[in-house]
Amino acid sequence: MNQIQKLSDTELELMEVIWACIPPVTSTELLSLFALKGKEWKAQTISTFLSRLVEKGALTTTRHGRINKYEPLISAEDYRLIGTQHILDGLYKGSVKNMVSALYDGDKLSDEDIAELKKWLSEK
């Protein structure tokens, strides 16, 4: 699994769009996709974020003439797993029980959540 730096909220938003695409993707394609979602970004803004994502190890870029094409170096699932492990290790000393207990004690788990967890665990 790749090791990458933590992504900002905006970088993660951009990666979510990239993960949903068939790679490689260009900045022009990304600008169009964000415009469809009602988010108008300037070309320079998206270029800056793409460069940061390359520097952080989340994307690779290849140049085709005057166009850069970007591909993810890590899957969405792997990124989420790394983030979850970081939270688990940092806040709960690696203990899943401590994390679930904090969610339960903080009234963040509904009865439905608990039933789903029990079912999921029984199937493992």
N, C-alpha and C. Protein backbone atom coordinates (compact mmCIF):
# COMPACT_ATOMS: atom_id res chain seq x y z
N MET A 1 0.84 -1.16 0.00
CA MET A 1 0.00 0.00 0.00
C MET A 1 0.89 1.23 0.00
N ASN A 2 0.53 2.23 -0.79
CA ASN A 2 1.30 3.46 -0.88
C ASN A 2 1.18 4.28 0.39
N GLN A 3 2.26 4.99 0.73
CA GLN A 3 2.24 5.93 1.84
C GLN A 3 2.21 7.33 1.25
N ILE A 4 1.19 8.10 1.58
CA ILE A 4 1.11 9.47 1.10
C ILE A 4 0.81 10.39 2.27
N GLN A 5 1.08 11.67 2.06
CA GLN A 5 0.79 12.66 3.09
C GLN A 5 -0.72 12.85 3.20
N LYS A 6 -1.16 13.33 4.37
CA LYS A 6 -2.57 13.62 4.58
C LYS A 6 -3.02 14.69 3.58
N LEU A 7 -4.20 14.50 3.04
CA LEU A 7 -4.74 15.44 2.06
C LEU A 7 -5.64 16.46 2.75
N SER A 8 -5.62 17.69 2.24
CA SER A 8 -6.54 18.72 2.73
C SER A 8 -7.94 18.36 2.25
N ASP A 9 -8.94 19.04 2.79
CA ASP A 9 -10.32 18.78 2.37
C ASP A 9 -10.50 19.01 0.87
N THR A 10 -9.90 20.08 0.35
CA THR A 10 -10.03 20.38 -1.08
C THR A 10 -9.29 19.36 -1.92
N GLU A 11 -8.11 18.95 -1.48
CA GLU A 11 -7.37 17.91 -2.20
C GLU A 11 -8.15 16.61 -2.22
N LEU A 12 -8.78 16.27 -1.10
CA LEU A 12 -9.59 15.06 -1.03
C LEU A 12 -10.80 15.16 -1.95
N GLU A 13 -11.42 16.33 -1.99
CA GLU A 13 -12.56 16.55 -2.90
C GLU A 13 -12.13 16.33 -4.35
N LEU A 14 -10.96 16.83 -4.70
CA LEU A 14 -10.43 16.65 -6.05
C LEU A 14 -10.13 15.17 -6.32
N MET A 15 -9.52 14.50 -5.34
CA MET A 15 -9.22 13.08 -5.50
C MET A 15 -10.48 12.24 -5.66
N GLU A 16 -11.55 12.59 -4.95
CA GLU A 16 -12.81 11.85 -5.08
C GLU A 16 -13.32 11.90 -6.52
N VAL A 17 -13.19 13.06 -7.14
CA VAL A 17 -13.61 13.19 -8.54
C VAL A 17 -12.68 12.38 -9.44
N ILE A 18 -11.38 12.44 -9.18
CA ILE A 18 -10.42 11.68 -9.99
C ILE A 18 -10.66 10.18 -9.84
N TRP A 19 -10.90 9.72 -8.62
CA TRP A 19 -11.16 8.29 -8.40
C TRP A 19 -12.41 7.84 -9.15
N ALA A 20 -13.36 8.73 -9.34
CA ALA A 20 -14.60 8.37 -10.03
C ALA A 20 -14.43 8.35 -11.55
N CYS A 21 -13.31 8.85 -12.04
CA CYS A 21 -13.06 8.90 -13.49
C CYS A 21 -12.29 7.67 -13.94
N ILE A 22 -12.30 7.48 -15.25
CA ILE A 22 -11.43 6.46 -15.85
C ILE A 22 -10.12 7.16 -16.18
N PRO A 23 -9.01 6.75 -15.53
CA PRO A 23 -7.75 7.46 -15.75
C PRO A 23 -7.16 7.16 -17.13
N PRO A 24 -6.31 8.04 -17.62
CA PRO A 24 -5.88 9.30 -17.02
C PRO A 24 -6.91 10.40 -17.27
N VAL A 25 -6.77 11.49 -16.48
CA VAL A 25 -7.69 12.61 -16.57
C VAL A 25 -6.86 13.90 -16.71
N THR A 26 -7.41 14.87 -17.41
CA THR A 26 -6.72 16.15 -17.59
C THR A 26 -7.36 17.21 -16.70
N SER A 27 -6.66 18.31 -16.51
CA SER A 27 -7.21 19.40 -15.70
C SER A 27 -8.45 19.99 -16.38
N THR A 28 -8.47 20.02 -17.69
CA THR A 28 -9.64 20.53 -18.41
C THR A 28 -10.87 19.66 -18.15
N GLU A 29 -10.67 18.35 -18.15
CA GLU A 29 -11.78 17.44 -17.85
C GLU A 29 -12.28 17.65 -16.42
N LEU A 30 -11.34 17.84 -15.49
CA LEU A 30 -11.72 18.06 -14.10
C LEU A 30 -12.47 19.38 -13.93
N LEU A 31 -12.03 20.42 -14.61
CA LEU A 31 -12.74 21.71 -14.56
C LEU A 31 -14.18 21.53 -15.02
N SER A 32 -14.38 20.77 -16.08
CA SER A 32 -15.73 20.52 -16.60
C SER A 32 -16.57 19.73 -15.60
N LEU A 33 -15.98 18.73 -14.98
CA LEU A 33 -16.71 17.92 -14.01
C LEU A 33 -17.13 18.75 -12.80
N PHE A 34 -16.24 19.60 -12.34
CA PHE A 34 -16.60 20.47 -11.21
C PHE A 34 -17.65 21.49 -11.61
N ALA A 35 -17.58 21.99 -12.83
CA ALA A 35 -18.58 22.95 -13.31
C ALA A 35 -19.96 22.30 -13.32
N LEU A 36 -20.02 21.03 -13.70
CA LEU A 36 -21.30 20.31 -13.69
C LEU A 36 -21.87 20.19 -12.28
N LYS A 37 -20.97 20.18 -11.30
CA LYS A 37 -21.40 20.10 -9.90
C LYS A 37 -21.67 21.48 -9.32
N GLY A 38 -21.55 22.52 -10.16
CA GLY A 38 -21.80 23.88 -9.70
C GLY A 38 -20.63 24.54 -9.02
N LYS A 39 -19.44 23.97 -9.18
CA LYS A 39 -18.25 24.54 -8.56
C LYS A 39 -17.32 25.04 -9.67
N GLU A 40 -17.26 26.35 -9.82
CA GLU A 40 -16.43 26.96 -10.86
C GLU A 40 -15.03 27.23 -10.32
N TRP A 41 -14.07 26.45 -10.78
CA TRP A 41 -12.68 26.66 -10.39
C TRP A 41 -11.94 27.29 -11.55
N LYS A 42 -10.91 28.05 -11.24
CA LYS A 42 -10.04 28.61 -12.27
C LYS A 42 -9.00 27.55 -12.63
N ALA A 43 -8.52 27.60 -13.86
CA ALA A 43 -7.54 26.62 -14.32
C ALA A 43 -6.29 26.62 -13.44
N GLN A 44 -5.84 27.79 -13.04
CA GLN A 44 -4.63 27.87 -12.20
C GLN A 44 -4.85 27.24 -10.83
N THR A 45 -6.04 27.39 -10.30
CA THR A 45 -6.35 26.81 -8.99
C THR A 45 -6.27 25.29 -9.06
N ILE A 46 -6.90 24.72 -10.07
CA ILE A 46 -6.89 23.26 -10.18
C ILE A 46 -5.48 22.76 -10.48
N SER A 47 -4.72 23.51 -11.26
CA SER A 47 -3.34 23.14 -11.55
C SER A 47 -2.50 23.11 -10.28
N THR A 48 -2.71 24.10 -9.43
CA THR A 48 -1.97 24.16 -8.16
C THR A 48 -2.29 22.94 -7.30
N PHE A 49 -3.57 22.60 -7.19
CA PHE A 49 -3.95 21.44 -6.37
C PHE A 49 -3.44 20.14 -6.99
N LEU A 50 -3.47 20.03 -8.30
CA LEU A 50 -2.95 18.82 -8.95
C LEU A 50 -1.45 18.67 -8.69
N SER A 51 -0.71 19.78 -8.76
CA SER A 51 0.73 19.75 -8.47
C SER A 51 0.99 19.31 -7.03
N ARG A 52 0.19 19.81 -6.11
CA ARG A 52 0.34 19.40 -4.70
C ARG A 52 0.07 17.91 -4.53
N LEU A 53 -0.93 17.41 -5.23
CA LEU A 53 -1.26 15.99 -5.13
C LEU A 53 -0.16 15.12 -5.71
N VAL A 54 0.51 15.60 -6.76
CA VAL A 54 1.67 14.89 -7.31
C VAL A 54 2.79 14.89 -6.28
N GLU A 55 3.07 16.06 -5.67
CA GLU A 55 4.12 16.17 -4.65
C GLU A 55 3.85 15.28 -3.45
N LYS A 56 2.59 15.12 -3.08
CA LYS A 56 2.22 14.31 -1.91
C LYS A 56 2.19 12.82 -2.22
N GLY A 57 2.36 12.46 -3.49
CA GLY A 57 2.38 11.05 -3.85
C GLY A 57 1.02 10.45 -4.13
N ALA A 58 -0.01 11.29 -4.27
CA ALA A 58 -1.35 10.77 -4.54
C ALA A 58 -1.60 10.57 -6.03
N LEU A 59 -0.90 11.36 -6.85
CA LEU A 59 -1.08 11.30 -8.31
C LEU A 59 0.26 11.16 -9.00
N THR A 60 0.21 10.65 -10.21
CA THR A 60 1.35 10.69 -11.12
C THR A 60 0.89 11.48 -12.33
N THR A 61 1.83 12.12 -12.99
CA THR A 61 1.49 12.90 -14.16
C THR A 61 2.40 12.52 -15.32
N THR A 62 1.83 12.49 -16.50
CA THR A 62 2.60 12.30 -17.73
C THR A 62 2.22 13.42 -18.69
N ARG A 63 3.21 13.90 -19.41
CA ARG A 63 2.99 15.00 -20.33
C ARG A 63 2.76 14.45 -21.72
N HIS A 64 1.68 14.89 -22.36
CA HIS A 64 1.33 14.52 -23.72
C HIS A 64 1.24 15.81 -24.52
N GLY A 65 2.34 16.19 -25.18
CA GLY A 65 2.36 17.48 -25.86
C GLY A 65 2.32 18.58 -24.82
N ARG A 66 1.30 19.41 -24.88
CA ARG A 66 1.14 20.51 -23.93
C ARG A 66 0.17 20.16 -22.80
N ILE A 67 -0.28 18.93 -22.77
CA ILE A 67 -1.30 18.53 -21.80
C ILE A 67 -0.72 17.54 -20.78
N ASN A 68 -0.99 17.81 -19.51
CA ASN A 68 -0.64 16.86 -18.44
C ASN A 68 -1.83 15.94 -18.20
N LYS A 69 -1.53 14.67 -18.07
CA LYS A 69 -2.56 13.69 -17.73
C LYS A 69 -2.21 13.10 -16.37
N TYR A 70 -3.24 12.95 -15.54
CA TYR A 70 -3.05 12.53 -14.15
C TYR A 70 -3.72 11.20 -13.88
N GLU A 71 -3.01 10.39 -13.08
CA GLU A 71 -3.55 9.10 -12.65
C GLU A 71 -3.30 8.93 -11.16
N PRO A 72 -4.26 8.37 -10.43
CA PRO A 72 -4.05 8.14 -9.00
C PRO A 72 -3.00 7.06 -8.75
N LEU A 73 -2.18 7.30 -7.73
CA LEU A 73 -1.20 6.30 -7.30
C LEU A 73 -1.72 5.48 -6.13
N ILE A 74 -2.85 5.89 -5.60
CA ILE A 74 -3.46 5.19 -4.47
C ILE A 74 -4.97 5.14 -4.71
N SER A 75 -5.59 4.05 -4.33
CA SER A 75 -7.04 3.93 -4.49
C SER A 75 -7.74 4.65 -3.35
N ALA A 76 -9.00 4.94 -3.55
CA ALA A 76 -9.81 5.57 -2.51
C ALA A 76 -9.85 4.68 -1.27
N GLU A 77 -9.99 3.39 -1.49
CA GLU A 77 -10.08 2.44 -0.37
C GLU A 77 -8.78 2.44 0.44
N ASP A 78 -7.64 2.43 -0.25
CA ASP A 78 -6.36 2.43 0.45
C ASP A 78 -6.15 3.74 1.22
N TYR A 79 -6.55 4.86 0.62
CA TYR A 79 -6.41 6.14 1.31
C TYR A 79 -7.26 6.16 2.58
N ARG A 80 -8.49 5.68 2.48
CA ARG A 80 -9.36 5.64 3.65
C ARG A 80 -8.80 4.71 4.73
N LEU A 81 -8.24 3.60 4.31
CA LEU A 81 -7.65 2.66 5.26
C LEU A 81 -6.47 3.30 6.00
N ILE A 82 -5.62 4.01 5.27
CA ILE A 82 -4.48 4.70 5.89
C ILE A 82 -4.99 5.74 6.90
N GLY A 83 -6.00 6.51 6.50
CA GLY A 83 -6.56 7.53 7.39
C GLY A 83 -7.18 6.92 8.64
N THR A 84 -7.91 5.84 8.45
CA THR A 84 -8.54 5.16 9.58
C THR A 84 -7.48 4.62 10.53
N GLN A 85 -6.44 4.02 9.98
CA GLN A 85 -5.37 3.47 10.81
C GLN A 85 -4.66 4.58 11.58
N HIS A 86 -4.48 5.73 10.94
CA HIS A 86 -3.83 6.87 11.59
C HIS A 86 -4.66 7.35 12.79
N ILE A 87 -5.98 7.46 12.59
CA ILE A 87 -6.87 7.86 13.68
C ILE A 87 -6.88 6.81 14.78
N LEU A 88 -6.98 5.55 14.38
CA LEU A 88 -7.01 4.45 15.35
C LEU A 88 -5.74 4.45 16.20
N ASP A 89 -4.59 4.58 15.55
CA ASP A 89 -3.32 4.57 16.28
C ASP A 89 -3.15 5.82 17.13
N GLY A 90 -3.50 6.98 16.56
CA GLY A 90 -3.26 8.24 17.25
C GLY A 90 -4.20 8.52 18.40
N LEU A 91 -5.47 8.26 18.23
CA LEU A 91 -6.45 8.60 19.25
C LEU A 91 -6.82 7.43 20.17
N TYR A 92 -6.70 6.21 19.65
CA TYR A 92 -7.21 5.06 20.40
C TYR A 92 -6.13 4.00 20.67
N LYS A 93 -4.87 4.38 20.51
CA LYS A 93 -3.74 3.49 20.79
C LYS A 93 -3.87 2.15 20.06
N GLY A 94 -4.44 2.20 18.85
CA GLY A 94 -4.57 1.00 18.03
C GLY A 94 -5.72 0.09 18.41
N SER A 95 -6.55 0.51 19.35
CA SER A 95 -7.62 -0.35 19.84
C SER A 95 -8.95 -0.03 19.16
N VAL A 96 -9.45 -0.99 18.40
CA VAL A 96 -10.76 -0.84 17.77
C VAL A 96 -11.83 -0.77 18.84
N LYS A 97 -11.66 -1.56 19.91
CA LYS A 97 -12.64 -1.55 21.01
C LYS A 97 -12.75 -0.16 21.62
N ASN A 98 -11.61 0.51 21.84
CA ASN A 98 -11.64 1.86 22.40
C ASN A 98 -12.35 2.84 21.46
N MET A 99 -12.14 2.69 20.16
CA MET A 99 -12.79 3.57 19.20
C MET A 99 -14.30 3.36 19.19
N VAL A 100 -14.73 2.11 19.14
CA VAL A 100 -16.16 1.79 19.13
C VAL A 100 -16.79 2.23 20.45
N SER A 101 -16.07 2.04 21.54
CA SER A 101 -16.57 2.46 22.84
C SER A 101 -16.77 3.98 22.88
N ALA A 102 -15.84 4.73 22.32
CA ALA A 102 -15.98 6.19 22.28
C ALA A 102 -17.18 6.60 21.43
N LEU A 103 -17.40 5.91 20.33
CA LEU A 103 -18.57 6.21 19.50
C LEU A 103 -19.86 5.89 20.24
N TYR A 104 -19.86 4.75 20.94
CA TYR A 104 -21.05 4.34 21.68
C TYR A 104 -21.33 5.31 22.84
N ASP A 105 -20.30 5.59 23.61
CA ASP A 105 -20.46 6.49 24.77
C ASP A 105 -20.84 7.89 24.34
N GLY A 106 -20.45 8.29 23.16
CA GLY A 106 -20.78 9.61 22.65
C GLY A 106 -22.10 9.65 21.90
N ASP A 107 -22.88 8.58 22.02
CA ASP A 107 -24.19 8.47 21.36
C ASP A 107 -24.10 8.67 19.85
N LYS A 108 -23.01 8.17 19.24
CA LYS A 108 -22.85 8.27 17.80
C LYS A 108 -23.26 7.00 17.08
N LEU A 109 -23.55 5.95 17.84
CA LEU A 109 -23.99 4.68 17.25
C LEU A 109 -25.48 4.49 17.52
N SER A 110 -26.23 4.35 16.46
CA SER A 110 -27.66 4.06 16.61
C SER A 110 -27.85 2.56 16.84
N ASP A 111 -29.05 2.18 17.22
CA ASP A 111 -29.35 0.75 17.37
C ASP A 111 -29.14 0.03 16.04
N GLU A 112 -29.49 0.72 14.95
CA GLU A 112 -29.29 0.13 13.62
C GLU A 112 -27.80 -0.07 13.33
N ASP A 113 -26.97 0.92 13.70
CA ASP A 113 -25.52 0.79 13.51
C ASP A 113 -24.98 -0.42 14.29
N ILE A 114 -25.44 -0.56 15.52
CA ILE A 114 -24.98 -1.66 16.36
C ILE A 114 -25.39 -3.00 15.77
N ALA A 115 -26.63 -3.09 15.28
CA ALA A 115 -27.10 -4.33 14.66
C ALA A 115 -26.28 -4.65 13.42
N GLU A 116 -25.99 -3.63 12.60
CA GLU A 116 -25.17 -3.84 11.40
C GLU A 116 -23.78 -4.32 11.76
N LEU A 117 -23.19 -3.73 12.79
CA LEU A 117 -21.86 -4.15 13.23
C LEU A 117 -21.87 -5.59 13.73
N LYS A 118 -22.87 -5.95 14.52
CA LYS A 118 -22.97 -7.33 15.02
C LYS A 118 -23.09 -8.31 13.86
N LYS A 119 -23.95 -7.97 12.90
CA LYS A 119 -24.13 -8.84 11.73
C LYS A 119 -22.84 -8.97 10.95
N TRP A 120 -22.19 -7.83 10.71
CA TRP A 120 -20.94 -7.84 9.94
C TRP A 120 -19.89 -8.68 10.65
N LEU A 121 -19.74 -8.50 11.97
CA LEU A 121 -18.74 -9.25 12.72
C LEU A 121 -19.04 -10.76 12.73
N SER A 122 -20.31 -11.10 12.80
CA SER A 122 -20.67 -12.53 12.83
C SER A 122 -20.37 -13.20 11.48
N GLU A 123 -20.32 -12.42 10.42
CA GLU A 123 -20.04 -12.98 9.08
C GLU A 123 -18.55 -13.10 8.81
N LYS A 124 -17.72 -12.52 9.67
CA LYS A 124 -16.25 -12.54 9.45
C LYS A 124 -15.61 -13.77 10.03
